[in-house]
């Protein structure tokens, strides 16, 4: 599946049925060696005082439909640990 096919789709939580964002507002972490998507990074979700970034691994994507992507938040990874693993400071 190409990124252009994902663009504009809404990301929805399977547990809550809540809208988490739109793919154009999220980041995709891609494994450059294999060309596969490692995870979706959905920024600034939560209340005004408790904003957090959701890091959803690819196996947390349950269904990609015509207009939306359904994800399982129970597979969500810890943001700080995930960013350390990416080692973005290099």
N, C-alpha and C. Protein backbone atom coordinates (compact mmCIF):
# COMPACT_ATOMS: atom_id res chain seq x y z
N UNK A 1 0.84 -1.17 0.00
CA UNK A 1 0.00 0.00 0.00
C UNK A 1 0.89 1.24 0.00
N UNK A 2 0.57 2.19 -0.80
CA UNK A 2 1.33 3.44 -0.91
C UNK A 2 0.82 4.47 0.10
N UNK A 3 1.72 5.41 0.45
CA UNK A 3 1.33 6.46 1.38
C UNK A 3 0.15 7.25 0.82
N UNK A 4 0.14 7.49 -0.47
CA UNK A 4 -0.95 8.26 -1.07
C UNK A 4 -2.31 7.59 -0.85
N UNK A 5 -2.31 6.27 -0.70
CA UNK A 5 -3.55 5.55 -0.42
C UNK A 5 -3.97 5.69 1.04
N UNK A 6 -3.01 5.97 1.93
CA UNK A 6 -3.30 6.14 3.36
C UNK A 6 -3.69 7.58 3.68
N UNK A 7 -3.19 8.54 2.93
CA UNK A 7 -3.40 9.96 3.22
C UNK A 7 -4.89 10.29 3.31
N UNK A 8 -5.25 11.02 4.35
CA UNK A 8 -6.62 11.44 4.54
C UNK A 8 -7.49 10.48 5.34
N UNK A 9 -7.00 9.27 5.58
CA UNK A 9 -7.79 8.31 6.36
C UNK A 9 -7.75 8.69 7.84
N UNK A 10 -8.88 8.53 8.52
CA UNK A 10 -8.95 8.79 9.95
C UNK A 10 -8.43 7.59 10.72
N UNK A 11 -7.74 7.86 11.83
CA UNK A 11 -7.26 6.82 12.73
C UNK A 11 -8.24 6.74 13.89
N UNK A 12 -8.83 5.55 14.09
CA UNK A 12 -9.88 5.34 15.10
C UNK A 12 -9.45 4.25 16.07
N UNK A 13 -9.69 4.48 17.37
CA UNK A 13 -9.41 3.47 18.40
C UNK A 13 -10.50 2.42 18.39
N UNK A 14 -10.11 1.15 18.35
CA UNK A 14 -11.08 0.05 18.33
C UNK A 14 -11.80 -0.07 19.68
N UNK A 15 -11.13 0.29 20.78
CA UNK A 15 -11.72 0.15 22.11
C UNK A 15 -12.74 1.25 22.41
N UNK A 16 -12.38 2.48 22.12
CA UNK A 16 -13.21 3.62 22.48
C UNK A 16 -14.05 4.14 21.31
N UNK A 17 -13.66 3.79 20.10
CA UNK A 17 -14.33 4.34 18.93
C UNK A 17 -14.00 5.81 18.74
N UNK A 18 -12.93 6.27 19.40
CA UNK A 18 -12.57 7.69 19.37
C UNK A 18 -11.67 7.99 18.18
N UNK A 19 -11.84 9.17 17.63
CA UNK A 19 -11.00 9.64 16.54
C UNK A 19 -9.67 10.09 17.13
N UNK A 20 -8.57 9.53 16.65
CA UNK A 20 -7.24 9.87 17.17
C UNK A 20 -6.52 10.87 16.28
N UNK A 21 -6.89 10.93 15.05
CA UNK A 21 -6.24 11.85 14.11
C UNK A 21 -6.45 11.40 12.68
N UNK A 22 -5.78 12.10 11.79
CA UNK A 22 -5.82 11.79 10.37
C UNK A 22 -4.40 11.48 9.94
N UNK A 23 -4.23 10.53 9.04
CA UNK A 23 -2.90 10.11 8.62
C UNK A 23 -2.04 11.30 8.18
N UNK A 24 -2.61 12.30 7.55
CA UNK A 24 -1.81 13.45 7.12
C UNK A 24 -1.28 14.25 8.31
N UNK A 25 -1.88 14.07 9.50
CA UNK A 25 -1.42 14.77 10.71
C UNK A 25 -0.47 13.90 11.54
N UNK A 26 -0.30 12.66 11.17
CA UNK A 26 0.54 11.74 11.92
C UNK A 26 1.87 11.52 11.22
N UNK A 27 2.78 10.87 11.91
CA UNK A 27 4.04 10.47 11.31
C UNK A 27 4.05 8.97 11.14
N UNK A 28 4.68 8.52 10.09
CA UNK A 28 4.89 7.10 9.88
C UNK A 28 6.37 6.82 10.10
N UNK A 29 6.69 5.83 10.90
CA UNK A 29 8.08 5.41 11.08
C UNK A 29 8.27 4.22 10.15
N UNK A 30 9.20 4.38 9.21
CA UNK A 30 9.40 3.36 8.17
C UNK A 30 10.78 2.75 8.31
N UNK A 31 10.84 1.45 8.23
CA UNK A 31 12.11 0.73 8.22
C UNK A 31 12.70 0.91 6.82
N UNK A 32 13.79 1.66 6.73
CA UNK A 32 14.35 1.99 5.42
C UNK A 32 14.96 0.79 4.71
N UNK A 33 15.35 -0.22 5.45
CA UNK A 33 15.94 -1.40 4.83
C UNK A 33 14.89 -2.27 4.14
N UNK A 34 13.74 -2.44 4.80
CA UNK A 34 12.70 -3.31 4.23
C UNK A 34 11.59 -2.53 3.54
N UNK A 35 11.48 -1.23 3.85
CA UNK A 35 10.41 -0.41 3.27
C UNK A 35 9.07 -0.60 3.93
N UNK A 36 9.05 -1.25 5.10
CA UNK A 36 7.78 -1.50 5.80
C UNK A 36 7.53 -0.44 6.86
N UNK A 37 6.26 -0.25 7.19
CA UNK A 37 5.88 0.69 8.24
C UNK A 37 6.13 0.03 9.59
N UNK A 38 6.89 0.71 10.46
CA UNK A 38 7.12 0.19 11.81
C UNK A 38 6.03 0.64 12.76
N UNK A 39 5.61 1.91 12.64
CA UNK A 39 4.59 2.41 13.56
C UNK A 39 3.97 3.70 13.06
N UNK A 40 2.84 4.04 13.67
CA UNK A 40 2.18 5.34 13.49
C UNK A 40 2.48 6.16 14.73
N UNK A 41 2.80 7.42 14.55
CA UNK A 41 3.03 8.32 15.68
C UNK A 41 1.98 9.42 15.57
N UNK A 42 1.02 9.39 16.51
CA UNK A 42 -0.09 10.34 16.52
C UNK A 42 0.21 11.40 17.58
N UNK A 43 0.46 12.65 17.17
CA UNK A 43 0.88 13.69 18.12
C UNK A 43 -0.26 14.31 18.93
N UNK A 44 0.11 14.81 20.10
CA UNK A 44 -0.73 15.68 20.92
C UNK A 44 -2.15 15.21 21.16
N UNK A 45 -2.30 14.01 21.68
CA UNK A 45 -3.62 13.53 22.02
C UNK A 45 -3.80 13.63 23.53
N UNK A 46 -5.01 13.82 23.96
CA UNK A 46 -5.29 13.90 25.39
C UNK A 46 -5.90 15.24 25.75
N UNK A 47 -5.94 15.52 27.04
CA UNK A 47 -6.52 16.77 27.51
C UNK A 47 -5.51 17.90 27.39
N UNK A 48 -5.94 19.10 27.64
CA UNK A 48 -5.08 20.28 27.52
C UNK A 48 -3.85 20.17 28.41
N UNK A 49 -4.01 19.69 29.63
CA UNK A 49 -2.89 19.62 30.57
C UNK A 49 -2.08 18.33 30.43
N UNK A 50 -2.67 17.29 29.87
CA UNK A 50 -1.97 16.00 29.76
C UNK A 50 -1.87 15.56 28.31
N UNK A 51 -1.14 16.31 27.53
CA UNK A 51 -0.94 15.94 26.13
C UNK A 51 0.11 14.85 26.04
N UNK A 52 -0.09 13.93 25.11
CA UNK A 52 0.87 12.87 24.92
C UNK A 52 0.87 12.45 23.45
N UNK A 53 1.95 11.84 23.07
CA UNK A 53 2.07 11.31 21.72
C UNK A 53 1.82 9.82 21.77
N UNK A 54 0.97 9.33 20.88
CA UNK A 54 0.66 7.91 20.82
C UNK A 54 1.56 7.24 19.79
N UNK A 55 2.27 6.21 20.20
CA UNK A 55 3.11 5.44 19.30
C UNK A 55 2.45 4.07 19.15
N UNK A 56 1.90 3.83 17.96
CA UNK A 56 1.16 2.59 17.71
C UNK A 56 1.96 1.74 16.73
N UNK A 57 2.43 0.57 17.18
CA UNK A 57 3.21 -0.30 16.28
C UNK A 57 2.33 -0.83 15.15
N UNK A 58 2.97 -1.24 14.08
CA UNK A 58 2.22 -1.73 12.92
C UNK A 58 1.27 -2.88 13.27
N UNK A 59 1.70 -3.77 14.17
CA UNK A 59 0.81 -4.88 14.53
C UNK A 59 -0.42 -4.41 15.31
N UNK A 60 -0.44 -3.14 15.74
CA UNK A 60 -1.60 -2.57 16.42
C UNK A 60 -2.66 -2.08 15.45
N UNK A 61 -2.33 -2.05 14.15
CA UNK A 61 -3.31 -1.67 13.14
C UNK A 61 -4.16 -2.90 12.86
N UNK A 62 -5.44 -2.81 13.16
CA UNK A 62 -6.33 -3.97 13.02
C UNK A 62 -7.01 -4.03 11.67
N UNK A 63 -7.33 -2.88 11.09
CA UNK A 63 -8.04 -2.88 9.81
C UNK A 63 -7.79 -1.56 9.10
N UNK A 64 -7.52 -1.64 7.81
CA UNK A 64 -7.41 -0.45 6.96
C UNK A 64 -8.59 -0.49 6.01
N UNK A 65 -9.50 0.43 6.20
CA UNK A 65 -10.70 0.48 5.37
C UNK A 65 -10.62 1.59 4.34
N UNK A 66 -11.74 1.84 3.69
CA UNK A 66 -11.80 2.86 2.64
C UNK A 66 -11.56 4.26 3.19
N UNK A 67 -12.15 4.57 4.36
CA UNK A 67 -12.06 5.92 4.92
C UNK A 67 -11.31 6.00 6.24
N UNK A 68 -11.01 4.84 6.85
CA UNK A 68 -10.41 4.89 8.18
C UNK A 68 -9.47 3.74 8.44
N UNK A 69 -8.68 3.92 9.49
CA UNK A 69 -7.76 2.89 9.96
C UNK A 69 -8.12 2.63 11.42
N UNK A 70 -8.40 1.37 11.75
CA UNK A 70 -8.77 1.01 13.11
C UNK A 70 -7.54 0.46 13.81
N UNK A 71 -7.23 1.04 15.00
CA UNK A 71 -6.04 0.63 15.74
C UNK A 71 -6.42 0.17 17.14
N UNK A 72 -5.56 -0.69 17.71
CA UNK A 72 -5.74 -1.20 19.06
C UNK A 72 -4.75 -0.48 19.98
N UNK A 73 -5.25 0.37 20.87
CA UNK A 73 -4.37 1.15 21.75
C UNK A 73 -3.70 0.31 22.82
N UNK A 74 -4.16 -0.92 23.03
CA UNK A 74 -3.50 -1.77 24.03
C UNK A 74 -2.10 -2.19 23.56
N UNK A 75 -1.81 -2.01 22.28
CA UNK A 75 -0.49 -2.33 21.73
C UNK A 75 0.45 -1.12 21.76
N UNK A 76 -0.06 0.01 22.22
CA UNK A 76 0.69 1.26 22.21
C UNK A 76 2.01 1.13 22.97
N UNK A 77 3.05 1.75 22.43
CA UNK A 77 4.37 1.71 23.05
C UNK A 77 4.64 2.98 23.85
N UNK A 78 5.53 2.89 24.82
CA UNK A 78 5.92 4.04 25.62
C UNK A 78 6.68 5.02 24.74
N UNK A 79 6.22 6.26 24.71
CA UNK A 79 6.81 7.28 23.83
C UNK A 79 8.28 7.53 24.11
N UNK A 80 8.66 7.72 25.36
CA UNK A 80 10.05 8.03 25.71
C UNK A 80 10.99 6.88 25.33
N UNK A 81 10.59 5.66 25.64
CA UNK A 81 11.41 4.49 25.30
C UNK A 81 11.54 4.35 23.79
N UNK A 82 10.45 4.58 23.10
CA UNK A 82 10.45 4.45 21.65
C UNK A 82 11.39 5.46 21.01
N UNK A 83 11.36 6.70 21.49
CA UNK A 83 12.24 7.74 20.94
C UNK A 83 13.70 7.44 21.23
N UNK A 84 13.99 6.85 22.39
CA UNK A 84 15.36 6.46 22.70
C UNK A 84 15.84 5.38 21.73
N UNK A 85 14.95 4.44 21.41
CA UNK A 85 15.30 3.37 20.48
C UNK A 85 15.59 3.91 19.09
N UNK A 86 14.85 4.94 18.68
CA UNK A 86 15.08 5.53 17.37
C UNK A 86 16.40 6.28 17.32
N UNK A 87 16.85 6.78 18.48
CA UNK A 87 18.11 7.50 18.59
C UNK A 87 18.16 8.64 17.57
N UNK A 88 17.24 9.59 17.69
CA UNK A 88 17.13 10.69 16.75
C UNK A 88 18.21 11.75 16.92
N UNK A 89 19.03 11.65 17.94
CA UNK A 89 20.04 12.67 18.18
C UNK A 89 21.25 12.55 17.26
N UNK A 90 21.40 11.49 16.54
CA UNK A 90 22.57 11.30 15.67
C UNK A 90 22.47 12.14 14.43
